């Protein structure tokens, strides 16, 4: 949630950022409404405080009057007290209404993009921040896309996934299932080596947790909801892991906080059809290892670079060609201040597949979660949060199968072989 002080004190930056996001007029119109409600809140709070001062003085006067035997005048003062209390009750109701109105509107506004975020309205406007400089793999005639390789080597079954659950769910089997498990363990071990604490988190979260990281109200329609229990299936481990620190006040010595977690992820992805979502390209349930950072604001963008290096190292060890995109304002997530996407090249499909997003949310999530730290002066300051996919498995599996195939089978990258227990799929 955007900080109110930022709207008031950095209006030009806010409006410039929202132009990068192509924010519609109905949302831009919320900004003057928020300021007006905040002005009303301040005026009401001032009157409440003044009335409380009067009540304190009157209380002392009434006590003195009774002590001095002036009961009649004391009763008159008590009537004045009742009038002020009645006025304060109305003022406090106005205050509560104004605060609620401000929060409701702030929840609808996305984060303000960082200065380096490029202008743009869609994925076509994203900046290639780091291109792939090597040769892209060229497959021999007769090479297959991953969904055909899965049938040939009995690695996963989309038809059984439909039978058991529905479209967009995959059943992995044999070496396909072992490859999934190997990748999860490899990613977790690499994160642990990099200093991340491993977390095993719940897969369902309450509304407060989903709201804290920005999924509600923005992505409510994309999440699976268990109505009877009022719980949401997580779209990413980011949600439960980051919420570990909701309503927590840290000490500045607590930084850096580094956490990682493996979870299945559940996304409805309604309305996705066509060849570009075939096979593992887009599914409703997929496995992912997420890295999460809680950082001092002065260090968060340096940490973002550090996280990019970590994801790069994983793709290098998997022997996959990749490129890094800096997302434009129109393609960034609701809560993000800046996002980098990693894409791997699919040789059989001859296109790039997104496999990771690494983002800095600055104070957007921590303002919702009330996650603060004490500085040297004892002030409570909002921390920064960051997270990244390290990595999402479905498309990684697709690229591994396609890029490493030959006429007789599929080679397993050297770094992954201790985890799979086999060098080839054939």
Protein backbone atom coordinates (compact mmCIF):
# COMPACT_ATOMS: atom_id res chain seq x y z
CA UNK A 1 0.00 0.00 0.00
CA UNK A 2 1.38 3.36 -1.02
CA UNK A 3 2.40 5.56 1.90
CA UNK A 4 0.18 8.61 2.37
CA UNK A 5 3.22 10.80 3.02
CA UNK A 6 4.59 9.87 -0.41
CA UNK A 7 1.37 11.01 -2.10
CA UNK A 8 1.53 14.30 -0.22
CA UNK A 9 5.25 15.02 -0.40
CA UNK A 10 6.25 13.45 -3.72
CA UNK A 11 3.22 14.11 -5.91
CA UNK A 12 5.24 14.70 -9.10
CA UNK A 13 7.07 11.39 -8.69
CA UNK A 14 3.79 9.60 -8.02
CA UNK A 15 2.10 11.02 -11.11
CA UNK A 16 5.16 10.36 -13.29
CA UNK A 17 5.27 6.77 -12.04
CA UNK A 18 1.58 6.26 -12.69
CA UNK A 19 2.04 7.58 -16.22
CA UNK A 20 4.57 4.77 -16.69
CA UNK A 21 1.88 2.35 -15.55
CA UNK A 22 -0.76 3.93 -17.82
CA UNK A 23 -3.01 4.15 -14.79
CA UNK A 24 -6.63 4.79 -15.83
CA UNK A 25 -8.32 8.09 -14.95
CA UNK A 26 -10.73 6.50 -12.47
CA UNK A 27 -7.76 5.39 -10.36
CA UNK A 28 -5.89 8.67 -10.74
CA UNK A 29 -9.07 10.39 -9.47
CA UNK A 30 -8.57 8.57 -6.15
CA UNK A 31 -5.51 10.69 -5.36
CA UNK A 32 -7.34 14.03 -4.75
CA UNK A 33 -10.04 12.07 -2.90
CA UNK A 34 -7.41 10.62 -0.58
CA UNK A 35 -5.89 14.05 0.07
CA UNK A 36 -9.32 15.55 0.76
CA UNK A 37 -10.21 12.74 3.17
CA UNK A 38 -6.85 13.13 4.90
CA UNK A 39 -7.43 16.88 5.29
CA UNK A 40 -10.80 16.09 6.86
CA UNK A 41 -9.18 13.47 9.09
CA UNK A 42 -6.56 15.97 10.30
CA UNK A 43 -9.20 18.63 11.02
CA UNK A 44 -11.35 16.15 12.95
CA UNK A 45 -8.33 14.88 14.89
CA UNK A 46 -7.41 18.46 15.85
CA UNK A 47 -10.92 19.09 17.19
CA UNK A 48 -10.90 15.79 19.07
CA UNK A 49 -7.55 16.66 20.68
CA UNK A 50 -8.76 20.12 21.65
CA UNK A 51 -11.93 18.69 23.16
CA UNK A 52 -9.89 16.17 25.14
CA UNK A 53 -7.83 19.03 26.54
CA UNK A 54 -11.05 20.82 27.54
CA UNK A 55 -12.36 17.66 29.18
CA UNK A 56 -9.19 17.32 31.24
CA UNK A 57 -9.45 20.93 32.43
CA UNK A 58 -13.17 20.59 33.18
CA UNK A 59 -12.57 17.39 35.11
CA UNK A 60 -10.07 19.18 37.34
CA UNK A 61 -12.43 22.17 37.75
CA UNK A 62 -15.34 19.92 38.70
CA UNK A 63 -13.24 18.20 41.34
CA UNK A 64 -12.15 21.55 42.77
CA UNK A 65 -15.74 22.91 42.77
CA UNK A 66 -17.04 19.92 44.68
CA UNK A 67 -14.20 20.26 47.19
CA UNK A 68 -15.07 23.91 47.70
CA UNK A 69 -18.78 23.18 48.13
CA UNK A 70 -19.88 24.68 44.76
CA UNK A 71 -22.04 21.70 43.80
CA UNK A 72 -24.42 23.68 41.56
CA UNK A 73 -21.59 25.08 39.45
CA UNK A 74 -19.99 21.66 39.37
CA UNK A 75 -23.19 20.17 37.95
CA UNK A 76 -23.25 22.92 35.31
CA UNK A 77 -19.72 21.95 34.29
CA UNK A 78 -20.78 18.30 34.12
CA UNK A 79 -23.45 19.25 31.58
CA UNK A 80 -20.72 20.95 29.53
CA UNK A 81 -18.66 17.78 29.75
CA UNK A 82 -21.57 15.71 28.41
CA UNK A 83 -21.99 18.10 25.46
CA UNK A 84 -18.28 17.88 24.58
CA UNK A 85 -18.30 14.08 24.88
CA UNK A 86 -21.28 13.90 22.53
CA UNK A 87 -19.47 16.13 20.03
CA UNK A 88 -16.33 13.99 20.31
CA UNK A 89 -18.30 10.82 19.66
CA UNK A 90 -19.44 12.27 16.35
CA UNK A 91 -15.94 13.52 15.54
CA UNK A 92 -14.44 10.10 16.28
CA UNK A 93 -17.03 8.50 14.01
CA UNK A 94 -15.97 10.97 11.28
CA UNK A 95 -12.34 10.09 11.95
CA UNK A 96 -13.01 6.37 11.62
CA UNK A 97 -14.96 6.94 8.40
CA UNK A 98 -12.19 9.09 6.92
CA UNK A 99 -9.49 6.55 7.84
CA UNK A 100 -11.52 3.74 6.30
CA UNK A 101 -12.12 5.78 3.14
CA UNK A 102 -8.40 6.53 2.83
CA UNK A 103 -7.42 2.88 3.30
CA UNK A 104 -10.06 1.62 0.84
CA UNK A 105 -8.72 3.96 -1.84
CA UNK A 106 -5.06 3.31 -1.08
CA UNK A 107 -5.65 -0.44 -1.47
CA UNK A 108 -6.73 0.17 -5.06
CA UNK A 109 -3.60 2.10 -6.04
CA UNK A 110 -0.54 0.18 -7.31
CA UNK A 111 3.03 0.86 -6.28
CA UNK A 112 4.92 3.77 -7.86
CA UNK A 113 7.57 2.52 -10.31
CA UNK A 114 11.22 3.19 -9.54
CA UNK A 115 12.98 5.84 -11.64
CA UNK A 116 14.76 3.24 -13.82
CA UNK A 117 11.51 1.54 -14.88
CA UNK A 118 10.91 2.23 -18.59
CA UNK A 119 7.70 3.63 -20.05
CA UNK A 120 5.47 1.13 -21.81
CA UNK A 121 2.06 -0.45 -21.89
CA UNK A 122 2.73 -4.16 -22.49
CA UNK A 123 5.36 -6.91 -22.62
CA UNK A 124 6.47 -5.67 -26.04
CA UNK A 125 7.81 -2.51 -24.35
CA UNK A 126 10.05 -4.31 -21.84
CA UNK A 127 13.75 -3.49 -21.93
CA UNK A 128 16.26 -6.25 -22.66
CA UNK A 129 18.53 -5.46 -19.72
CA UNK A 130 20.98 -8.31 -20.33
CA UNK A 131 20.79 -10.15 -23.67
CA UNK A 132 22.06 -13.67 -24.30
CA UNK A 133 25.41 -13.24 -26.04
CA UNK A 134 26.13 -16.87 -26.84
CA UNK A 135 24.73 -19.04 -29.59
CA UNK A 136 21.16 -20.21 -29.25
CA UNK A 137 20.75 -23.98 -29.44
CA UNK A 138 19.82 -25.41 -32.82
CA UNK A 139 18.05 -28.73 -32.73
CA UNK A 140 18.39 -31.45 -35.31
CA UNK A 141 15.57 -32.35 -37.65
CA UNK A 142 12.96 -34.44 -35.92
CA UNK A 143 13.45 -32.79 -32.50
CA UNK A 144 10.30 -32.53 -30.43
CA UNK A 145 8.57 -29.99 -28.15
CA UNK A 146 8.43 -30.97 -24.49
CA UNK A 147 4.85 -32.25 -24.59
CA UNK A 148 5.85 -34.76 -27.28
CA UNK A 149 9.00 -35.70 -25.40
CA UNK A 150 6.84 -36.35 -22.33
CA UNK A 151 4.79 -38.91 -24.29
CA UNK A 152 7.87 -40.52 -25.84
CA UNK A 153 9.66 -41.01 -22.51
CA UNK A 154 6.60 -41.25 -20.21
CA UNK A 155 7.55 -38.17 -18.14
CA UNK A 156 4.21 -36.49 -17.49
CA UNK A 157 0.60 -36.96 -18.51
CA UNK A 158 -1.70 -34.05 -19.31
CA UNK A 159 -4.70 -36.27 -20.06
CA UNK A 160 -4.55 -37.91 -16.64
CA UNK A 161 -4.21 -34.45 -15.08
CA UNK A 162 -7.46 -33.46 -16.80
CA UNK A 163 -9.14 -36.67 -15.65
CA UNK A 164 -8.11 -36.23 -12.02
CA UNK A 165 -8.45 -32.44 -11.69
CA UNK A 166 -9.13 -30.56 -14.91
CA UNK A 167 -7.42 -28.61 -17.66
CA UNK A 168 -4.10 -27.07 -16.64
CA UNK A 169 -3.12 -29.74 -14.09
CA UNK A 170 -0.22 -32.12 -14.77
CA UNK A 171 0.55 -35.60 -13.48
CA UNK A 172 4.32 -36.25 -13.42
CA UNK A 173 5.60 -39.81 -13.40
CA UNK A 174 8.77 -41.92 -13.58
CA UNK A 175 11.83 -39.84 -14.44
CA UNK A 176 9.61 -36.79 -14.93
CA UNK A 177 8.63 -36.92 -11.24
CA UNK A 178 12.25 -37.54 -10.22
CA UNK A 179 13.38 -34.56 -12.30
CA UNK A 180 10.85 -32.35 -10.48
CA UNK A 181 12.12 -33.49 -7.09
CA UNK A 182 15.74 -33.10 -8.17
CA UNK A 183 15.19 -29.51 -9.29
CA UNK A 184 13.42 -28.58 -6.04
CA UNK A 185 16.27 -29.99 -3.93
CA UNK A 186 18.90 -28.38 -6.16
CA UNK A 187 17.27 -24.93 -5.92
CA UNK A 188 16.83 -25.22 -2.14
CA UNK A 189 20.43 -26.33 -1.62
CA UNK A 190 21.71 -23.45 -3.76
CA UNK A 191 19.61 -20.97 -1.77
CA UNK A 192 20.86 -22.42 1.52
CA UNK A 193 24.46 -22.07 0.34
CA UNK A 194 23.70 -18.41 -0.42
CA UNK A 195 22.60 -17.85 3.19
CA UNK A 196 18.82 -18.17 2.91
CA UNK A 197 16.91 -19.79 5.77
CA UNK A 198 14.70 -22.59 4.47
CA UNK A 199 11.02 -22.23 5.39
CA UNK A 200 8.26 -24.80 4.96
CA UNK A 201 5.13 -22.65 4.89
CA UNK A 202 1.36 -23.29 4.84
CA UNK A 203 -0.22 -23.55 1.39
CA UNK A 204 -3.40 -21.76 2.45
CA UNK A 205 -3.45 -18.25 3.89
CA UNK A 206 -6.02 -15.94 5.40
CA UNK A 207 -7.18 -12.67 3.88
CA UNK A 208 -4.84 -10.58 6.06
CA UNK A 209 -1.83 -12.41 4.64
CA UNK A 210 -3.04 -12.11 1.04
CA UNK A 211 -3.76 -8.42 1.57
CA UNK A 212 -0.38 -7.87 3.24
CA UNK A 213 1.63 -8.85 0.15
CA UNK A 214 -0.74 -7.20 -2.34
CA UNK A 215 -2.71 -10.16 -3.70
CA UNK A 216 -5.93 -8.70 -2.31
CA UNK A 217 -7.84 -6.94 -3.64
CA UNK A 218 -5.82 -6.85 -6.89
CA UNK A 219 -5.59 -10.56 -7.75
CA UNK A 220 -8.61 -12.01 -5.96
CA UNK A 221 -10.01 -13.42 -9.21
CA UNK A 222 -6.76 -15.26 -9.96
CA UNK A 223 -6.62 -17.15 -6.65
CA UNK A 224 -8.39 -20.33 -5.61
CA UNK A 225 -10.60 -19.67 -2.59
CA UNK A 226 -11.80 -22.16 0.04
CA UNK A 227 -15.05 -20.38 0.82
CA UNK A 228 -16.15 -22.34 3.90
CA UNK A 229 -12.83 -21.69 5.65
CA UNK A 230 -12.22 -18.21 4.20
CA UNK A 231 -8.73 -19.26 3.08
CA UNK A 232 -6.82 -18.75 -0.18
CA UNK A 233 -4.51 -21.24 -1.89
CA UNK A 234 -1.20 -19.47 -2.32
CA UNK A 235 -0.14 -18.22 -5.77
CA UNK A 236 3.50 -18.16 -4.55
CA UNK A 237 5.54 -18.84 -1.40
CA UNK A 238 6.10 -15.07 -1.23
CA UNK A 239 2.74 -14.72 0.53
CA UNK A 240 3.19 -16.93 3.63
CA UNK A 241 6.96 -16.40 3.91
CA UNK A 242 6.84 -12.58 3.82
CA UNK A 243 3.91 -12.57 6.27
CA UNK A 244 6.09 -14.21 8.91
CA UNK A 245 7.10 -10.63 9.74
CA UNK A 246 3.66 -9.01 9.57
CA UNK A 247 3.08 -6.72 12.60
CA UNK A 248 6.72 -7.07 13.68
CA UNK A 249 9.10 -4.29 14.73
CA UNK A 250 12.69 -5.22 13.91
CA UNK A 251 15.98 -3.85 15.16
CA UNK A 252 18.33 -2.43 12.52
CA UNK A 253 20.81 -5.16 13.45
CA UNK A 254 18.28 -7.79 12.30
CA UNK A 255 19.04 -7.08 8.63
CA UNK A 256 19.57 -8.81 6.30
CA UNK A 257 16.67 -11.27 6.62
CA UNK A 258 16.99 -13.97 3.94
CA UNK A 259 14.40 -16.72 3.56
CA UNK A 260 13.57 -19.30 0.93
CA UNK A 261 10.72 -21.74 0.56
CA UNK A 262 9.52 -24.47 -1.75
CA UNK A 263 5.77 -24.68 -2.32
CA UNK A 264 3.33 -25.72 -4.98
CA UNK A 265 1.72 -22.59 -6.43
CA UNK A 266 -1.92 -22.30 -7.50
CA UNK A 267 -3.14 -19.84 -10.13
CA UNK A 268 -6.46 -19.88 -11.93
CA UNK A 269 -5.04 -18.19 -15.08
CA UNK A 270 -8.54 -17.82 -16.49
CA UNK A 271 -8.89 -17.20 -20.23
CA UNK A 272 -5.50 -18.58 -21.33
CA UNK A 273 -5.69 -20.61 -24.54
CA UNK A 274 -3.62 -21.38 -27.66
CA UNK A 275 -0.28 -22.92 -28.60
CA UNK A 276 1.69 -20.53 -26.38
CA UNK A 277 0.13 -22.15 -23.29
CA UNK A 278 0.46 -25.75 -24.46
CA UNK A 279 2.05 -28.41 -22.27
CA UNK A 280 3.94 -26.91 -19.32
CA UNK A 281 3.92 -23.36 -20.68
CA UNK A 282 0.99 -22.36 -18.48
CA UNK A 283 -0.55 -24.54 -15.77
CA UNK A 284 -2.80 -24.03 -12.76
CA UNK A 285 -0.46 -25.79 -10.32
CA UNK A 286 3.33 -25.68 -10.46
CA UNK A 287 6.29 -26.04 -8.10
CA UNK A 288 8.57 -23.15 -7.26
CA UNK A 289 11.37 -22.18 -4.91
CA UNK A 290 11.06 -18.55 -3.82
CA UNK A 291 13.71 -16.35 -2.24
CA UNK A 292 12.50 -13.51 0.02
CA UNK A 293 14.47 -10.61 1.50
CA UNK A 294 13.54 -8.07 4.19
CA UNK A 295 16.00 -5.22 3.98
CA UNK A 296 17.06 -1.81 5.19
CA UNK A 297 15.75 0.77 2.65
CA UNK A 298 19.25 2.07 1.93
CA UNK A 299 20.41 -1.37 0.76
CA UNK A 300 17.43 -2.81 -1.07
CA UNK A 301 18.47 -1.97 -4.64
CA UNK A 302 21.93 -3.40 -4.07
CA UNK A 303 20.23 -6.53 -2.75
CA UNK A 304 18.06 -6.65 -5.88
CA UNK A 305 21.26 -6.91 -7.95
CA UNK A 306 22.50 -9.65 -5.63
CA UNK A 307 19.31 -11.63 -6.17
CA UNK A 308 19.68 -11.32 -9.95
CA UNK A 309 23.17 -12.81 -9.67
CA UNK A 310 21.78 -15.74 -7.67
CA UNK A 311 19.14 -16.57 -10.29
CA UNK A 312 21.72 -16.19 -13.08
CA UNK A 313 23.95 -18.73 -11.34
CA UNK A 314 21.12 -21.29 -11.28
CA UNK A 315 20.42 -20.94 -14.99
CA UNK A 316 24.13 -21.17 -15.77
CA UNK A 317 24.42 -24.43 -13.83
CA UNK A 318 21.39 -25.79 -15.69
CA UNK A 319 23.15 -24.96 -18.97
CA UNK A 320 20.21 -22.95 -20.26
CA UNK A 321 20.46 -19.83 -22.46
CA UNK A 322 18.76 -16.91 -20.74
CA UNK A 323 18.17 -13.20 -20.96
CA UNK A 324 17.06 -10.62 -18.38
CA UNK A 325 14.31 -8.08 -19.02
CA UNK A 326 13.60 -4.93 -17.05
CA UNK A 327 9.83 -4.67 -17.09
CA UNK A 328 8.11 -1.52 -18.26
CA UNK A 329 5.51 0.22 -16.10
CA UNK A 330 2.59 -1.30 -17.95
CA UNK A 331 3.80 -4.89 -17.51
CA UNK A 332 4.86 -4.77 -13.85
CA UNK A 333 2.97 -6.41 -11.04
CA UNK A 334 0.61 -4.34 -8.90
CA UNK A 335 2.87 -4.27 -5.82
CA UNK A 336 6.26 -3.94 -7.51
CA UNK A 337 8.47 -0.85 -7.69
CA UNK A 338 10.86 -2.57 -10.11
CA UNK A 339 10.89 -6.05 -11.63
CA UNK A 340 13.36 -8.05 -13.68
CA UNK A 341 12.15 -11.12 -15.58
CA UNK A 342 14.38 -14.01 -16.59
CA UNK A 343 13.53 -15.82 -19.79
CA UNK A 344 15.06 -19.06 -21.06
CA UNK A 345 15.15 -20.01 -24.71
CA UNK A 346 13.04 -22.94 -25.82
CA UNK A 347 14.81 -24.45 -28.83
CA UNK A 348 11.94 -26.68 -29.90
CA UNK A 349 9.39 -23.85 -29.69
CA UNK A 350 11.90 -21.24 -30.89
CA UNK A 351 10.80 -18.64 -28.35
CA UNK A 352 11.67 -17.25 -24.92
CA UNK A 353 9.83 -18.53 -21.82
CA UNK A 354 9.58 -16.55 -18.59
CA UNK A 355 10.91 -18.58 -15.65
CA UNK A 356 11.55 -15.99 -12.92
CA UNK A 357 10.53 -12.56 -11.71
CA UNK A 358 12.74 -10.72 -9.22
CA UNK A 359 11.18 -7.63 -7.66
CA UNK A 360 11.73 -4.85 -5.14
CA UNK A 361 8.51 -3.74 -3.47
CA UNK A 362 10.14 -0.99 -1.38
CA UNK A 363 7.62 -0.12 1.41
CA UNK A 364 4.46 -1.17 -0.47
CA UNK A 365 4.08 -4.52 1.32
CA UNK A 366 5.56 -3.45 4.65
CA UNK A 367 3.09 -0.55 4.90
CA UNK A 368 0.24 -3.03 4.58
CA UNK A 369 1.88 -5.48 6.98
CA UNK A 370 3.05 -2.84 9.50
CA UNK A 371 6.57 -4.26 9.26
CA UNK A 372 8.98 -1.70 10.69
CA UNK A 373 12.39 -1.36 12.29
CA UNK A 374 13.83 1.04 14.86
CA UNK A 375 16.56 3.36 13.64
CA UNK A 376 19.31 4.89 15.80
CA UNK A 377 16.98 7.70 16.89
CA UNK A 378 14.32 5.22 17.99
CA UNK A 379 11.97 6.10 15.12
CA UNK A 380 9.86 3.35 13.53
CA UNK A 381 10.75 3.07 9.82
CA UNK A 382 9.14 0.86 7.19
CA UNK A 383 11.48 -1.87 5.91
CA UNK A 384 11.76 -2.91 2.25
CA UNK A 385 10.74 -6.33 0.91
CA UNK A 386 12.03 -8.16 -2.17
CA UNK A 387 11.45 -11.57 -3.66
CA UNK A 388 12.27 -13.69 -6.65
CA UNK A 389 11.58 -17.04 -8.27
CA UNK A 390 14.65 -19.21 -7.87
CA UNK A 391 13.17 -20.95 -9.81
CA UNK A 392 9.71 -21.85 -11.16
CA UNK A 393 9.80 -25.44 -12.33
CA UNK A 394 7.23 -26.00 -15.06
CA UNK A 395 8.90 -23.94 -17.80
CA UNK A 396 12.37 -24.86 -16.56
CA UNK A 397 11.44 -28.51 -17.11
CA UNK A 398 10.11 -27.65 -20.57
CA UNK A 399 13.36 -25.91 -21.54
CA UNK A 400 15.57 -28.65 -20.07
CA UNK A 401 13.76 -31.35 -22.00
CA UNK A 402 13.74 -29.45 -25.29
CA UNK A 403 17.23 -27.93 -25.25
CA UNK A 404 19.09 -30.99 -24.03
CA UNK A 405 17.50 -33.57 -26.33
CA UNK A 406 19.30 -35.53 -29.02
CA UNK A 407 18.27 -38.39 -31.27
CA UNK A 408 18.57 -40.99 -28.50
CA UNK A 409 17.30 -39.17 -25.39
CA UNK A 410 17.70 -36.16 -23.10
CA UNK A 411 20.94 -35.19 -21.33
CA UNK A 412 20.77 -34.09 -17.70
CA UNK A 413 22.96 -31.04 -16.83
CA UNK A 414 26.08 -32.01 -14.86
CA UNK A 415 25.10 -29.94 -11.77
CA UNK A 416 21.75 -31.75 -11.55
CA UNK A 417 23.00 -35.33 -11.88
CA UNK A 418 23.76 -35.83 -8.16
CA UNK A 419 20.10 -34.99 -7.52
CA UNK A 420 18.47 -37.07 -10.28
CA UNK A 421 20.64 -40.15 -9.91
CA UNK A 422 20.75 -40.53 -13.71
CA UNK A 423 22.64 -38.78 -16.51
CA UNK A 424 20.13 -39.25 -19.32
CA UNK A 425 16.47 -39.84 -20.00
CA UNK A 426 16.06 -42.47 -22.71
